[in-house]
Protein backbone atom coordinates (compact mmCIF):
# COMPACT_ATOMS: atom_id res chain seq x y z
CA MET A 1 102.58 51.42 163.71
CA SER A 2 105.35 53.98 163.75
CA GLN A 3 103.20 57.02 163.01
CA ALA A 4 100.05 56.06 164.90
CA PHE A 5 101.57 54.47 167.99
CA GLY A 6 105.21 55.56 168.05
CA VAL A 7 106.49 51.99 167.73
CA PRO A 8 110.04 52.09 166.31
CA ALA A 9 109.86 50.98 162.70
CA PHE A 10 111.51 51.82 159.42
CA PRO A 11 108.86 51.09 156.80
CA VAL A 12 110.33 50.82 153.33
CA ASP A 13 108.10 51.62 150.39
CA THR A 14 109.17 52.13 146.78
CA HIS A 15 110.28 55.72 147.51
CA ILE A 16 112.54 54.82 150.43
CA HIS A 17 113.84 51.83 148.49
CA ARG A 18 114.73 53.98 145.46
CA LEU A 19 116.43 56.70 147.50
CA ALA A 20 118.41 54.28 149.66
CA TYR A 21 119.76 52.73 146.47
CA ARG A 22 120.54 56.09 144.82
CA TRP A 23 122.36 57.28 147.95
CA LYS A 24 124.34 54.05 148.34
CA LEU A 25 122.71 53.22 151.66
CA SER A 26 121.61 49.84 150.39
CA THR A 27 122.31 47.43 147.56
CA GLY A 28 119.10 45.61 148.32
CA LYS A 29 117.22 44.12 145.43
CA ASN A 30 114.01 44.18 147.47
CA VAL A 31 112.44 46.25 150.24
CA ASP A 32 113.17 43.65 152.93
CA LYS A 33 116.91 43.86 152.31
CA THR A 34 116.76 47.66 152.17
CA GLU A 35 114.89 47.77 155.48
CA LYS A 36 117.55 45.61 157.14
CA ASP A 37 120.33 47.79 155.73
CA LEU A 38 118.72 51.02 156.95
CA LYS A 39 117.99 49.62 160.39
CA ARG A 40 121.62 48.57 160.66
CA LEU A 41 122.87 52.03 159.64
CA PHE A 42 120.68 54.24 161.81
CA PRO A 43 119.83 54.13 165.53
CA GLU A 44 116.35 52.88 166.40
CA GLU A 45 115.37 56.09 168.19
CA ILE A 46 115.42 58.07 164.90
CA TRP A 47 113.78 55.53 162.57
CA ASN A 48 110.28 57.03 162.70
CA LYS A 49 111.39 60.60 162.09
CA LEU A 50 114.07 59.71 159.53
CA HIS A 51 111.57 57.70 157.48
CA LEU A 52 109.42 60.80 157.02
CA GLN A 53 112.41 63.07 156.42
CA ILE A 54 113.62 60.83 153.58
CA ILE A 55 110.17 60.85 151.98
CA PHE A 56 109.82 64.65 152.18
CA PHE A 57 113.39 65.22 150.96
CA GLY A 58 112.80 62.86 148.05
CA ARG A 59 109.65 64.69 146.99
CA GLU A 60 111.47 68.01 146.95
CA TYR A 61 114.94 67.18 145.61
CA CYS A 62 115.09 63.58 144.41
CA PRO A 63 111.83 62.64 142.65
CA ALA A 64 111.27 59.40 140.78
CA ARG A 65 110.55 61.18 137.49
CA GLY A 66 112.47 64.09 136.09
CA HIS A 67 115.31 63.48 138.54
CA ASP A 68 118.38 65.66 137.99
CA PRO A 69 121.20 64.15 140.05
CA HIS A 70 123.23 67.35 139.66
CA ALA A 71 120.47 69.35 141.38
CA CYS A 72 119.96 66.93 144.26
CA PRO A 73 122.15 67.88 147.25
CA ILE A 74 122.75 64.23 148.15
CA CYS A 75 123.00 62.61 144.71
CA SER A 76 125.35 65.32 143.45
CA LYS A 77 127.88 64.50 146.18
CA TYR A 78 127.22 60.90 147.19
CA GLY A 79 125.00 59.36 144.52
CA ARG A 80 125.79 56.27 142.52
CA ARG A 81 127.85 56.94 139.42
CA THR A 82 125.18 55.26 137.28
CA LEU A 83 122.89 58.24 137.96
CA PHE A 84 125.13 60.50 135.91
CA LYS A 85 125.25 58.48 132.68
């Protein structure tokens, strides 16, 4: 809906869910809670663009596998302490 028709949405998949948790944007145990947290934090007019920016940033700097929190610009400064153990 957001990409095809421009309807404001903040779809949360496993990637967004993982990054929101790593960056302390959500403590959600599921994607529904994470979506609510992100929608509360960010204004509706940027949801569509921000969703894609988080995905692209995650691919480049904060991947699921082989993640180095010291090399990630966000995790290194704001990431959960559990990432560094």
